Amino acid sequence: MSQIDIDKLREDLEDYFGTAMFSGNPQAMMELEKVKRASDQELISLARRCGININDYTEREDTDYYR
């Protein structure tokens, strides 16, 4: 079973929209504010709409992973 690292996902989305904002995309400022206020589920939905692979943010709970 795996769990999504929401903190890392939020950080990466802040970087994504922050970079877009400073590159001259005015819509990115509003999206950046959404990222800061989003619930976990809203954050996942936003990431998917941006084409981000959520599987890159999963943490395995299985302790035998490296055996």
Protein backbone atom coordinates (compact mmCIF):
# COMPACT_ATOMS: atom_id res chain seq x y z
CA MET A 1 0.00 0.00 0.00
CA SER A 2 1.26 3.51 -0.72
CA GLN A 3 0.55 7.03 0.41
CA ILE A 4 1.00 10.34 -1.43
CA ASP A 5 3.64 12.76 -0.12
CA ILE A 6 1.35 15.81 -0.07
CA ASP A 7 4.04 18.14 1.30
CA LYS A 8 6.40 17.35 -1.60
CA LEU A 9 3.54 17.63 -4.12
CA ARG A 10 2.52 21.03 -2.71
CA GLU A 11 6.14 22.23 -2.79
CA ASP A 12 6.59 21.15 -6.41
CA LEU A 13 3.32 22.79 -7.49
CA GLU A 14 4.36 26.02 -5.76
CA ASP A 15 7.64 25.90 -7.70
CA TYR A 16 5.78 25.11 -10.93
CA PHE A 17 3.32 28.00 -10.68
CA GLY A 18 5.88 30.36 -9.14
CA THR A 19 8.15 29.86 -12.12
CA ALA A 20 5.24 30.34 -14.53
CA MET A 21 4.25 33.54 -12.72
CA PHE A 22 7.73 35.03 -13.03
CA SER A 23 7.83 33.99 -16.69
CA GLY A 24 4.92 36.32 -17.37
CA ASN A 25 1.87 34.08 -16.95
CA PRO A 26 -0.67 36.15 -14.97
CA GLN A 27 -3.00 33.13 -14.43
CA ALA A 28 -0.20 31.39 -12.52
CA MET A 29 -0.57 33.82 -9.60
CA MET A 30 -4.15 32.69 -9.01
CA GLU A 31 -3.16 29.04 -9.35
CA LEU A 32 -0.33 29.55 -6.87
CA GLU A 33 -2.84 30.86 -4.32
CA LYS A 34 -5.03 27.80 -4.95
CA VAL A 35 -2.06 25.55 -4.24
CA LYS A 36 -1.38 27.28 -0.93
CA ARG A 37 -5.01 26.90 0.25
CA ALA A 38 -5.91 23.55 -1.33
CA SER A 39 -6.96 20.51 0.65
CA ASP A 40 -5.07 17.29 -0.04
CA GLN A 41 -7.71 16.07 -2.51
CA GLU A 42 -7.87 19.45 -4.28
CA LEU A 43 -4.09 19.44 -4.57
CA ILE A 44 -4.10 15.99 -6.17
CA SER A 45 -6.82 17.06 -8.63
CA LEU A 46 -4.90 20.21 -9.55
CA ALA A 47 -1.71 18.21 -10.09
CA ARG A 48 -3.52 15.78 -12.37
CA ARG A 49 -4.98 18.65 -14.41
CA CYS A 50 -1.43 19.96 -14.85
CA GLY A 51 -0.30 16.58 -16.15
CA ILE A 52 1.76 15.68 -13.10
CA ASN A 53 2.15 11.96 -12.45
CA ILE A 54 0.88 11.41 -8.92
CA ASN A 55 2.71 8.08 -8.78
CA ASP A 56 5.95 10.05 -8.55
CA TYR A 57 4.79 11.20 -5.10
CA THR A 58 3.86 7.89 -3.53
CA GLU A 59 5.60 6.57 -0.46
CA ARG A 60 5.57 2.84 0.11
CA GLU A 61 4.44 1.70 3.53
CA ASP A 62 5.72 -1.81 2.97
CA THR A 63 8.76 -2.26 5.24
CA ASP A 64 9.98 -5.24 3.17
CA TYR A 65 10.39 -3.06 0.08
CA TYR A 66 14.19 -3.38 -0.08
CA ARG A 67 14.41 -7.11 0.67
